Amino acid sequence: MNNNELVALLDRATKSYKGDSRVLESAIGALVVGRLTGWKPLALIHSQSTFRKYEHLLGVTFSEVLPD
């Protein structure tokens, strides 16, 4: 995922999100950390339900948009 795709993804997710903004902030933070560490460490850091919730919220599959 390049920077332009990342910004577009964040814009879409932010505009369509309704709910506790702390959850959105955490999902965005997970995506940014995942760009640095990869999706596998991200999966170890978060519970499976949180990992899936963040993917759903952002509209991505981490393993498809982040390095291993």
Protein backbone atom coordinates (compact mmCIF):
# COMPACT_ATOMS: atom_id res chain seq x y z
CA MET A 1 0.00 0.00 0.00
CA ASN A 2 1.49 3.31 -1.02
CA ASN A 3 0.98 6.62 0.78
CA ASN A 4 -1.83 7.80 -1.51
CA GLU A 5 -3.74 4.54 -0.98
CA LEU A 6 -3.22 4.86 2.77
CA VAL A 7 -4.59 8.40 2.86
CA ALA A 8 -7.60 7.37 0.73
CA LEU A 9 -8.27 4.42 3.03
CA LEU A 10 -8.07 6.61 6.13
CA ASP A 11 -10.36 9.22 4.57
CA ARG A 12 -12.98 6.57 3.70
CA ALA A 13 -12.82 4.94 7.11
CA THR A 14 -13.02 8.24 8.97
CA LYS A 15 -15.93 9.59 6.93
CA SER A 16 -18.00 6.43 7.24
CA TYR A 17 -17.25 5.65 10.90
CA LYS A 18 -19.92 6.09 13.54
CA GLY A 19 -19.09 5.24 17.11
CA ASP A 20 -16.42 5.72 19.73
CA SER A 21 -13.58 7.65 18.11
CA ARG A 22 -11.06 5.88 20.35
CA VAL A 23 -11.76 2.62 18.50
CA LEU A 24 -11.16 4.30 15.14
CA GLU A 25 -7.96 5.84 16.48
CA SER A 26 -6.77 2.43 17.69
CA ALA A 27 -7.53 0.80 14.34
CA ILE A 28 -5.61 3.53 12.49
CA GLY A 29 -2.73 3.15 14.93
CA ALA A 30 -2.68 -0.60 14.35
CA LEU A 31 -2.51 -0.04 10.60
CA VAL A 32 0.40 2.40 10.96
CA VAL A 33 2.28 0.05 13.30
CA GLY A 34 1.54 -2.80 10.90
CA ARG A 35 3.18 -0.87 8.05
CA LEU A 36 6.36 -0.82 10.14
CA THR A 37 6.26 -4.29 11.69
CA GLY A 38 4.08 -6.35 9.34
CA TRP A 39 0.72 -7.96 9.82
CA LYS A 40 2.01 -11.09 11.59
CA PRO A 41 3.38 -9.20 14.62
CA LEU A 42 0.16 -7.17 14.60
CA ALA A 43 -1.82 -10.41 14.85
CA LEU A 44 0.28 -11.42 17.87
CA ILE A 45 -0.24 -8.07 19.62
CA HIS A 46 -4.04 -8.04 19.30
CA SER A 47 -6.69 -10.62 20.07
CA GLN A 48 -8.21 -12.27 17.04
CA SER A 49 -11.52 -10.48 17.59
CA THR A 50 -9.83 -7.06 17.83
CA PHE A 51 -7.69 -7.81 14.77
CA ARG A 52 -10.81 -8.68 12.73
CA LYS A 53 -12.74 -5.70 14.13
CA TYR A 54 -9.99 -3.33 12.98
CA GLU A 55 -9.91 -4.92 9.54
CA HIS A 56 -13.68 -4.57 9.24
CA LEU A 57 -13.64 -0.99 10.47
CA LEU A 58 -10.91 0.00 7.99
CA GLY A 59 -12.31 -2.13 5.15
CA VAL A 60 -9.06 -4.02 4.56
CA THR A 61 -7.48 -7.38 5.13
CA PHE A 62 -4.20 -6.70 6.90
CA SER A 63 -2.45 -9.66 5.30
CA GLU A 64 -3.26 -8.23 1.84
CA VAL A 65 -2.14 -4.64 2.45
CA LEU A 66 0.73 -5.05 4.92
CA PRO A 67 4.06 -6.88 4.68
CA ASP A 68 4.51 -10.20 6.52
